């Protein structure tokens, strides 16, 4: 439905941002490992070992969006809309916002 196109695109872009952030974290971890190995990090932390833990689902910002598809109902189980409901929905999709 066109009505849900924009929200779908926004959710997709948020997941894309999260994926890009995960890729950046992974690349950063690899860079740190190459440059300083297992030495102490800049803030006195464990450096590479700490950064490696940030490349996990625990640090995904929008993890719930990635898991949302788990709850989708297969189309075969969704009942047909009544003609009255189709008419009602078609009237609402023609509204200008």
Protein backbone atom coordinates (compact mmCIF):
# COMPACT_ATOMS: atom_id res chain seq x y z
CA UNK A 1 0.00 0.00 0.00
CA UNK A 2 1.32 3.45 -0.86
CA UNK A 3 0.21 4.66 2.56
CA UNK A 4 2.91 2.57 4.23
CA UNK A 5 5.62 3.22 1.66
CA UNK A 6 7.20 6.18 3.44
CA UNK A 7 7.25 4.57 6.92
CA UNK A 8 8.73 1.43 5.34
CA UNK A 9 11.45 3.48 3.66
CA UNK A 10 12.27 5.28 6.91
CA UNK A 11 12.56 1.99 8.81
CA UNK A 12 14.71 0.56 6.02
CA UNK A 13 17.01 3.60 6.11
CA UNK A 14 17.34 3.30 9.89
CA UNK A 15 18.40 -0.33 9.49
CA UNK A 16 20.83 0.70 6.75
CA UNK A 17 22.35 3.28 9.11
CA UNK A 18 22.69 0.63 11.80
CA UNK A 19 24.35 -1.77 9.34
CA UNK A 20 26.79 0.91 8.21
CA UNK A 21 27.62 1.70 11.83
CA UNK A 22 28.32 -2.00 12.46
CA UNK A 23 30.58 -2.11 9.39
CA UNK A 24 32.43 0.99 10.61
CA UNK A 25 32.89 -0.58 14.05
CA UNK A 26 34.26 -3.75 12.49
CA UNK A 27 36.68 -1.79 10.28
CA UNK A 28 37.75 0.31 13.28
CA UNK A 29 38.40 -2.80 15.37
CA UNK A 30 40.55 -4.26 12.59
CA UNK A 31 42.47 -0.97 12.26
CA UNK A 32 43.12 -0.82 16.01
CA UNK A 33 44.31 -4.43 16.03
CA UNK A 34 46.71 -3.71 13.16
CA UNK A 35 48.00 -0.46 14.67
CA UNK A 36 48.32 -1.18 18.40
CA UNK A 37 47.62 -4.90 18.74
CA UNK A 38 46.52 -5.82 22.25
CA UNK A 39 48.08 -2.75 23.89
CA UNK A 40 46.12 -0.47 26.15
CA UNK A 41 43.66 1.89 24.42
CA UNK A 42 43.78 5.68 24.31
CA UNK A 43 41.54 6.13 27.37
CA UNK A 44 43.44 3.56 29.39
CA UNK A 45 40.94 0.85 28.47
CA UNK A 46 41.63 -2.56 27.04
CA UNK A 47 41.74 -1.21 23.47
CA UNK A 48 41.19 -3.92 20.90
CA UNK A 49 39.55 -6.35 23.33
CA UNK A 50 36.92 -3.79 24.32
CA UNK A 51 36.29 -2.64 20.76
CA UNK A 52 35.85 -6.23 19.63
CA UNK A 53 32.91 -6.60 22.05
CA UNK A 54 31.14 -3.64 20.41
CA UNK A 55 30.77 -5.57 17.16
CA UNK A 56 27.77 -7.58 18.32
CA UNK A 57 23.99 -7.42 18.29
CA UNK A 58 24.12 -5.97 21.79
CA UNK A 59 25.42 -2.70 20.34
CA UNK A 60 22.97 -2.45 17.44
CA UNK A 61 20.96 0.73 17.82
CA UNK A 62 17.87 -0.55 16.00
CA UNK A 63 18.01 -4.27 16.82
CA UNK A 64 14.22 -4.37 17.30
CA UNK A 65 13.74 -3.26 13.70
CA UNK A 66 15.89 -6.15 12.48
CA UNK A 67 13.82 -8.57 14.57
CA UNK A 68 10.50 -7.12 13.45
CA UNK A 69 10.21 -9.46 10.47
CA UNK A 70 10.01 -12.36 12.93
CA UNK A 71 6.50 -11.19 13.78
CA UNK A 72 5.19 -10.77 10.23
CA UNK A 73 2.15 -12.89 9.47
CA UNK A 74 2.40 -14.88 6.23
CA UNK A 75 0.06 -13.48 3.59
CA UNK A 76 -1.71 -16.86 3.32
CA UNK A 77 -3.03 -16.42 6.88
CA UNK A 78 -4.35 -12.89 6.39
CA UNK A 79 -8.09 -12.91 5.64
CA UNK A 80 -9.51 -11.12 2.61
CA UNK A 81 -10.89 -7.64 3.22
CA UNK A 82 -14.61 -7.14 2.88
CA UNK A 83 -15.76 -4.94 -0.03
CA UNK A 84 -16.86 -2.31 2.49
CA UNK A 85 -13.41 -2.25 4.11
CA UNK A 86 -11.72 -1.99 0.69
CA UNK A 87 -13.95 0.99 -0.11
CA UNK A 88 -13.20 2.64 3.25
CA UNK A 89 -9.46 2.17 2.85
CA UNK A 90 -9.47 3.44 -0.72
CA UNK A 91 -11.22 6.62 0.41
CA UNK A 92 -8.56 7.23 3.05
CA UNK A 93 -5.64 6.66 0.69
CA UNK A 94 -6.92 9.41 -1.62
CA UNK A 95 -6.70 12.04 1.11
CA UNK A 96 -4.10 14.75 0.72
CA UNK A 97 -2.06 15.45 3.81
